[in-house]
Amino acid sequence: MSAPGLPVAAVVVNYNAGSALSACVRSLAGEHLAEIVVVDNASSDGSLAELRRAGIPGVRILEAGSNLGYGAAANLGAAATSAEHLLVCNPDLVVSPGAVARLVERLERDPTLALVGPLIRDADGDVYPSGRAFPSLGDAVGHAFIGLFWGGNPWTRRYRHLGEDQHLSRPADWVSGAFFLVRRLAFDSVEGFDEGYFMYVEDVDLAWRLHRAGWGAWYEPAAEVVHEQGRSASQHPYRMLLAHHRSMWRFASRSAPGRERLLLPLMGGGLLARLVLAWGEHLLRPVREMVAPTAKVRHRARGELQS
């Protein structure tokens, strides 16, 4: 790219994203970034070949050689770049013009911030809830179990900041790892993503460790991206559900404070029960959708793999 204008290195983690990868990288190239790196986790769908044929200038490709998982691949990409800020994103996502500049402006306005995340829409235009709080034990249990069957329950609404909050620029405990800007100094200070997470919750864990180190996070809806959620996860739904629940257990066992640690065995049993319920819900989904095949049912089903 000629005359890069923003001190940002984008790291795109790809795994079998198909044609979405080229669309993602093309949208990033329009943001005038200093660096764009695609880290490929051993894709087999031709997405890398299509990206190379697209001939987008200034894009580097790192082939991991195996599926490292999201956080480990992002760390690999971060280590290969040097810009002041890092932009980490999924490959099935398109950036609205000017979104990265708005995130940079917010980050540089406040030196105490480490993370900034945008408003995320799905392909239907619905808003995916980002900019959340670290959940209390009660909200976590209510969201985890009741949320499987009733997405609008009060625990989920409180945890996800549903409604008008999704259109307000505001502080947050964490922002979605699908797309966020992070200050490299802060990212390096906590040694990046914890590679013990294969998929899911690594974004919550990163924000939690940054928070403990004294850094803040911000949700900035003036910047927008469109995310085709679950393109890779949908190829292995049961394996991804297992990875999600393992990640939830890893974070719970790490972050539970004080007396709540006494409840960890109960939480472990509850997560196992939730995994079985989630597998069953996924197995029965085709039958349910034949009975009520609405767009909202499909939207909620796509989002179930998200924390």
Protein backbone atom coordinates (compact mmCIF):
# COMPACT_ATOMS: atom_id res chain seq x y z
CA MET A 1 0.00 0.00 0.00
CA SER A 2 1.25 3.48 -0.75
CA ALA A 3 1.43 6.22 1.86
CA PRO A 4 -0.07 4.34 4.82
CA GLY A 5 -1.79 6.83 7.10
CA LEU A 6 -2.69 4.99 10.31
CA PRO A 7 -0.18 3.46 12.77
CA VAL A 8 -2.09 0.17 12.72
CA ALA A 9 -1.11 -3.40 11.88
CA ALA A 10 -4.10 -5.58 11.04
CA VAL A 11 -3.89 -9.28 11.87
CA VAL A 12 -6.53 -11.42 10.17
CA VAL A 13 -6.82 -15.01 11.43
CA ASN A 14 -8.12 -17.27 8.66
CA TYR A 15 -9.49 -20.78 8.74
CA ASN A 16 -11.55 -21.88 5.73
CA ALA A 17 -13.31 -18.53 5.34
CA GLY A 18 -13.76 -18.97 1.60
CA SER A 19 -14.37 -15.86 -0.48
CA ALA A 20 -15.08 -13.85 2.68
CA LEU A 21 -11.32 -13.61 3.36
CA SER A 22 -10.59 -11.59 0.21
CA ALA A 23 -13.54 -9.29 0.91
CA CYS A 24 -12.27 -8.71 4.44
CA VAL A 25 -8.71 -7.93 3.38
CA ARG A 26 -9.91 -5.66 0.58
CA SER A 27 -11.97 -3.63 3.06
CA LEU A 28 -8.97 -3.35 5.39
CA ALA A 29 -6.75 -2.22 2.52
CA GLY A 30 -9.13 0.70 2.01
CA GLU A 31 -8.43 1.91 5.55
CA HIS A 32 -4.83 2.99 4.79
CA LEU A 33 -3.15 0.85 7.43
CA ALA A 34 0.59 0.48 7.97
CA GLU A 35 0.53 -3.32 7.76
CA ILE A 36 -1.89 -6.14 6.93
CA VAL A 37 -0.97 -9.72 7.84
CA VAL A 38 -3.12 -12.79 7.24
CA VAL A 39 -2.31 -15.77 9.45
CA ASP A 40 -3.70 -18.96 7.97
CA ASN A 41 -4.49 -21.90 10.25
CA ALA A 42 -3.98 -24.62 7.61
CA SER A 43 -7.07 -23.83 5.54
CA SER A 44 -8.06 -26.36 2.90
CA ASP A 45 -10.83 -24.48 1.07
CA GLY A 46 -8.78 -22.44 -1.39
CA SER A 47 -9.31 -19.16 0.47
CA LEU A 48 -5.57 -18.36 0.46
CA ALA A 49 -5.27 -19.06 -3.27
CA GLU A 50 -8.20 -16.76 -3.92
CA LEU A 51 -6.60 -14.03 -1.79
CA ARG A 52 -3.34 -14.34 -3.73
CA ARG A 53 -5.22 -14.11 -7.04
CA ALA A 54 -6.93 -10.94 -5.79
CA GLY A 55 -3.52 -9.23 -5.81
CA ILE A 56 -4.27 -6.78 -3.00
CA PRO A 57 -1.10 -4.70 -2.49
CA GLY A 58 0.81 -4.73 0.78
CA VAL A 59 -0.68 -7.93 2.23
CA ARG A 60 1.57 -10.52 3.85
CA ILE A 61 0.51 -14.12 4.41
CA LEU A 62 1.84 -16.30 7.23
CA GLU A 63 1.00 -19.99 6.98
CA ALA A 64 0.88 -21.51 10.46
CA GLY A 65 1.18 -25.07 9.16
CA SER A 66 -1.56 -26.34 11.45
CA ASN A 67 -4.67 -25.02 13.18
CA LEU A 68 -3.18 -23.12 16.12
CA GLY A 69 -6.46 -21.68 17.31
CA TYR A 70 -7.48 -18.03 17.25
CA GLY A 71 -5.34 -16.51 19.99
CA ALA A 72 -2.13 -18.32 19.10
CA ALA A 73 -2.48 -17.34 15.43
CA ALA A 74 -3.17 -13.72 16.41
CA ASN A 75 -0.04 -13.72 18.57
CA LEU A 76 1.96 -15.05 15.63
CA GLY A 77 0.69 -12.24 13.44
CA ALA A 78 1.32 -9.62 16.12
CA ALA A 79 4.93 -10.77 16.49
CA ALA A 80 5.45 -10.31 12.73
CA THR A 81 4.35 -6.65 12.81
CA SER A 82 5.65 -3.46 14.40
CA ALA A 83 2.96 -0.75 14.15
CA GLU A 84 1.96 1.15 17.29
CA HIS A 85 -1.52 -0.39 17.41
CA LEU A 86 -2.83 -3.86 16.55
CA LEU A 87 -6.12 -4.60 14.85
CA VAL A 88 -7.20 -8.22 15.37
CA CYS A 89 -10.10 -9.54 13.33
CA ASN A 90 -12.00 -12.51 11.97
CA PRO A 91 -11.75 -13.22 8.23
CA ASP A 92 -15.51 -13.18 7.60
CA LEU A 93 -15.92 -9.49 8.31
CA VAL A 94 -16.10 -6.30 6.24
CA VAL A 95 -15.04 -2.90 7.59
CA SER A 96 -17.17 0.17 6.94
CA PRO A 97 -15.11 3.05 5.50
CA GLY A 98 -13.42 5.13 8.17
CA ALA A 99 -14.12 2.66 10.99
CA VAL A 100 -10.48 2.04 11.87
CA ALA A 101 -9.69 5.76 11.96
CA ARG A 102 -12.53 6.29 14.44
CA LEU A 103 -11.18 3.54 16.68
CA VAL A 104 -7.68 5.00 16.53
CA GLU A 105 -9.05 8.44 17.42
CA ARG A 106 -10.82 7.03 20.48
CA LEU A 107 -7.79 5.01 21.60
CA GLU A 108 -5.37 7.91 21.25
CA ARG A 109 -7.73 10.33 23.00
CA ASP A 110 -7.31 8.42 26.29
CA PRO A 111 -3.86 7.02 27.21
CA THR A 112 -5.43 4.75 29.84
CA LEU A 113 -7.30 2.72 27.20
CA ALA A 114 -5.89 -0.54 25.84
CA LEU A 115 -8.87 -1.85 23.84
CA VAL A 116 -11.51 -0.29 21.59
CA GLY A 117 -14.22 -2.21 19.76
CA PRO A 118 -16.78 -1.15 17.12
CA LEU A 119 -20.46 -1.78 16.61
CA ILE A 120 -20.80 -5.18 14.94
CA ARG A 121 -23.71 -6.02 12.65
CA ASP A 122 -24.52 -9.37 11.11
CA ALA A 123 -25.36 -9.80 7.43
CA ASP A 124 -29.05 -9.05 8.18
CA GLY A 125 -28.19 -5.75 9.84
CA ASP A 126 -28.86 -6.94 13.39
CA VAL A 127 -26.44 -5.71 16.07
CA TYR A 128 -24.23 -8.28 17.77
CA PRO A 129 -23.79 -7.28 21.43
CA SER A 130 -20.26 -6.14 22.17
CA GLY A 131 -18.96 -3.80 24.86
CA ARG A 132 -19.99 -6.04 27.75
CA ALA A 133 -19.28 -6.24 31.47
CA PHE A 134 -17.46 -9.06 33.19
CA PRO A 135 -20.48 -11.08 34.38
CA SER A 136 -21.36 -11.65 38.02
CA LEU A 137 -21.82 -15.29 39.02
CA GLY A 138 -25.61 -14.90 38.97
CA ASP A 139 -25.66 -13.29 35.52
CA ALA A 140 -23.23 -15.90 34.18
CA VAL A 141 -25.41 -18.80 35.38
CA GLY A 142 -28.64 -17.20 34.13
CA HIS A 143 -27.15 -16.33 30.74
CA ALA A 144 -25.47 -19.72 30.32
CA PHE A 145 -28.51 -21.88 31.03
CA ILE A 146 -31.65 -19.82 30.44
CA GLY A 147 -30.03 -18.17 27.43
CA LEU A 148 -29.97 -21.50 25.59
CA PHE A 149 -33.77 -21.36 25.29
CA TRP A 150 -34.77 -17.73 26.02
CA GLY A 151 -32.40 -15.19 24.50
CA GLY A 152 -34.23 -12.18 25.97
CA ASN A 153 -33.96 -13.25 29.60
CA PRO A 154 -32.96 -10.53 32.12
CA TRP A 155 -29.56 -12.09 32.92
CA THR A 156 -28.54 -12.16 29.26
CA ARG A 157 -29.87 -8.65 28.64
CA ARG A 158 -27.91 -7.29 31.59
CA TYR A 159 -24.69 -9.16 30.67
CA ARG A 160 -24.83 -8.28 26.97
CA HIS A 161 -26.01 -4.67 27.45
CA LEU A 162 -28.82 -5.27 24.98
CA GLY A 163 -30.92 -2.42 23.62
CA GLU A 164 -29.92 1.24 23.48
CA ASP A 165 -26.53 0.56 25.11
CA GLN A 166 -25.36 -0.93 21.82
CA HIS A 167 -25.61 2.53 20.23
CA LEU A 168 -23.84 4.49 22.98
CA SER A 169 -20.14 5.30 23.09
CA ARG A 170 -19.14 4.12 26.56
CA PRO A 171 -16.60 2.34 28.76
CA ALA A 172 -16.78 -1.46 28.77
CA ASP A 173 -15.05 -4.31 30.55
CA TRP A 174 -14.42 -6.17 27.29
CA VAL A 175 -15.18 -6.01 23.57
CA SER A 176 -15.69 -8.77 21.03
CA GLY A 177 -12.56 -10.44 19.71
CA ALA A 178 -14.14 -10.61 16.25
CA PHE A 179 -12.71 -7.12 15.63
CA PHE A 180 -10.89 -4.82 18.00
CA LEU A 181 -8.04 -2.33 18.17
CA VAL A 182 -5.47 -2.75 20.94
CA ARG A 183 -2.53 -0.61 21.98
CA ARG A 184 0.57 -2.72 21.29
CA LEU A 185 2.28 -1.53 24.48
CA ALA A 186 -0.63 -2.88 26.52
CA PHE A 187 -0.95 -6.09 24.46
CA ASP A 188 2.74 -6.87 24.90
CA SER A 189 2.64 -6.03 28.62
CA VAL A 190 0.29 -8.98 29.26
CA GLU A 191 2.03 -11.20 26.65
CA GLY A 192 -0.88 -11.13 24.24
CA PHE A 193 -3.56 -13.79 24.06
CA ASP A 194 -3.42 -16.79 26.38
CA GLU A 195 -2.75 -19.62 23.92
CA GLY A 196 -4.37 -22.11 26.29
CA TYR A 197 -7.68 -21.05 24.72
CA PHE A 198 -8.21 -22.69 21.33
CA MET A 199 -11.41 -20.80 20.46
CA TYR A 200 -13.80 -18.53 22.38
CA VAL A 201 -13.41 -16.46 25.57
CA GLU A 202 -9.81 -15.55 24.72
CA ASP A 203 -11.09 -12.01 24.17
CA VAL A 204 -12.69 -11.88 27.62
CA ASP A 205 -9.51 -13.27 29.18
CA LEU A 206 -7.31 -10.72 27.40
CA ALA A 207 -9.50 -7.82 28.55
CA TRP A 208 -9.61 -9.24 32.10
CA ARG A 209 -5.80 -9.42 32.30
CA LEU A 210 -5.50 -5.91 30.84
CA HIS A 211 -8.03 -4.67 33.39
CA ARG A 212 -6.02 -6.21 36.22
CA ALA A 213 -2.93 -4.45 34.84
CA GLY A 214 -4.74 -1.09 35.05
CA TRP A 215 -5.85 -0.65 31.42
CA GLY A 216 -9.35 0.26 30.26
CA ALA A 217 -11.59 -0.74 27.34
CA TRP A 218 -14.09 1.25 25.29
CA TYR A 219 -17.04 0.48 23.02
CA GLU A 220 -17.28 2.87 20.07
CA PRO A 221 -20.41 2.44 17.87
CA ALA A 222 -19.38 5.33 15.59
CA ALA A 223 -17.19 2.66 13.96
CA GLU A 224 -19.09 -0.19 12.28
CA VAL A 225 -18.20 -3.57 10.79
CA VAL A 226 -20.34 -6.32 9.28
CA HIS A 227 -19.63 -9.86 10.46
CA GLU A 228 -20.84 -13.05 8.84
CA GLN A 229 -20.76 -14.98 12.10
CA GLY A 230 -19.85 -18.61 12.45
CA ARG A 231 -18.53 -19.37 8.93
CA SER A 232 -15.66 -21.50 10.28
CA ALA A 233 -17.40 -22.72 13.45
CA SER A 234 -20.38 -24.04 11.51
CA GLN A 235 -18.12 -26.58 9.78
CA HIS A 236 -17.50 -28.39 13.10
CA PRO A 237 -20.38 -27.35 15.41
CA TYR A 238 -20.02 -30.05 18.07
CA ARG A 239 -16.25 -29.64 18.29
CA MET A 240 -16.67 -25.87 18.59
CA LEU A 241 -19.29 -26.22 21.31
CA LEU A 242 -16.82 -28.38 23.22
CA ALA A 243 -14.06 -25.79 22.71
CA HIS A 244 -16.41 -23.04 23.91
CA HIS A 245 -17.26 -24.84 27.14
CA ARG A 246 -13.62 -25.72 27.79
CA SER A 247 -12.78 -22.05 27.38
CA MET A 248 -15.55 -20.98 29.76
CA TRP A 249 -14.18 -23.40 32.37
CA ARG A 250 -10.63 -22.11 31.88
CA PHE A 251 -11.73 -18.53 32.41
CA ALA A 252 -13.99 -19.36 35.38
CA SER A 253 -11.23 -21.27 37.14
CA ARG A 254 -8.78 -18.43 36.55
CA SER A 255 -10.98 -15.45 37.39
CA ALA A 256 -13.35 -16.63 40.16
CA PRO A 257 -12.68 -14.43 43.22
CA GLY A 258 -12.58 -15.34 46.91
CA ARG A 259 -15.41 -17.55 48.09
CA GLU A 260 -16.70 -18.11 44.57
CA ARG A 261 -13.75 -20.47 44.08
CA LEU A 262 -15.49 -22.87 46.45
CA LEU A 263 -18.24 -23.15 43.83
CA LEU A 264 -15.89 -24.17 41.02
CA PRO A 265 -16.69 -27.91 41.24
CA LEU A 266 -20.39 -27.05 40.97
CA MET A 267 -19.66 -24.72 38.07
CA GLY A 268 -17.70 -27.48 36.33
CA GLY A 269 -20.64 -29.84 36.62
CA GLY A 270 -22.97 -27.13 35.41
CA LEU A 271 -20.84 -26.46 32.34
CA LEU A 272 -20.83 -30.16 31.50
CA ALA A 273 -24.63 -30.23 31.77
CA ARG A 274 -24.84 -27.10 29.62
CA LEU A 275 -22.63 -28.70 26.97
CA VAL A 276 -24.97 -31.69 26.77
CA LEU A 277 -27.97 -29.34 26.51
CA ALA A 278 -26.25 -27.29 23.81
CA TRP A 279 -25.41 -30.41 21.80
CA GLY A 280 -29.02 -31.53 22.11
CA GLU A 281 -30.34 -28.11 21.14
CA HIS A 282 -28.13 -28.13 18.04
CA LEU A 283 -29.22 -31.66 17.13
CA LEU A 284 -32.91 -30.70 17.35
CA ARG A 285 -32.51 -27.36 15.58
CA PRO A 286 -33.49 -28.55 12.06
CA VAL A 287 -36.78 -29.88 13.44
CA ARG A 288 -37.45 -26.66 15.35
CA GLU A 289 -36.65 -24.45 12.38
CA MET A 290 -39.04 -26.38 10.15
CA VAL A 291 -41.74 -25.52 12.67
CA ALA A 292 -40.68 -21.85 13.11
CA PRO A 293 -38.23 -20.90 10.34
CA THR A 294 -38.04 -17.18 11.10
CA ALA A 295 -35.04 -14.97 10.53
CA LYS A 296 -34.81 -14.24 14.26
CA VAL A 297 -34.64 -17.94 15.12
CA ARG A 298 -31.81 -18.36 12.61
CA HIS A 299 -30.06 -15.29 13.99
CA ARG A 300 -30.25 -16.57 17.57
CA ALA A 301 -29.03 -20.00 16.50
CA ARG A 302 -26.02 -18.49 14.72
CA GLY A 303 -25.12 -16.58 17.85
CA GLU A 304 -25.24 -19.51 20.25
CA LEU A 305 -21.55 -20.30 19.85
CA GLN A 306 -20.68 -16.83 21.07
CA SER A 307 -20.02 -16.26 24.76
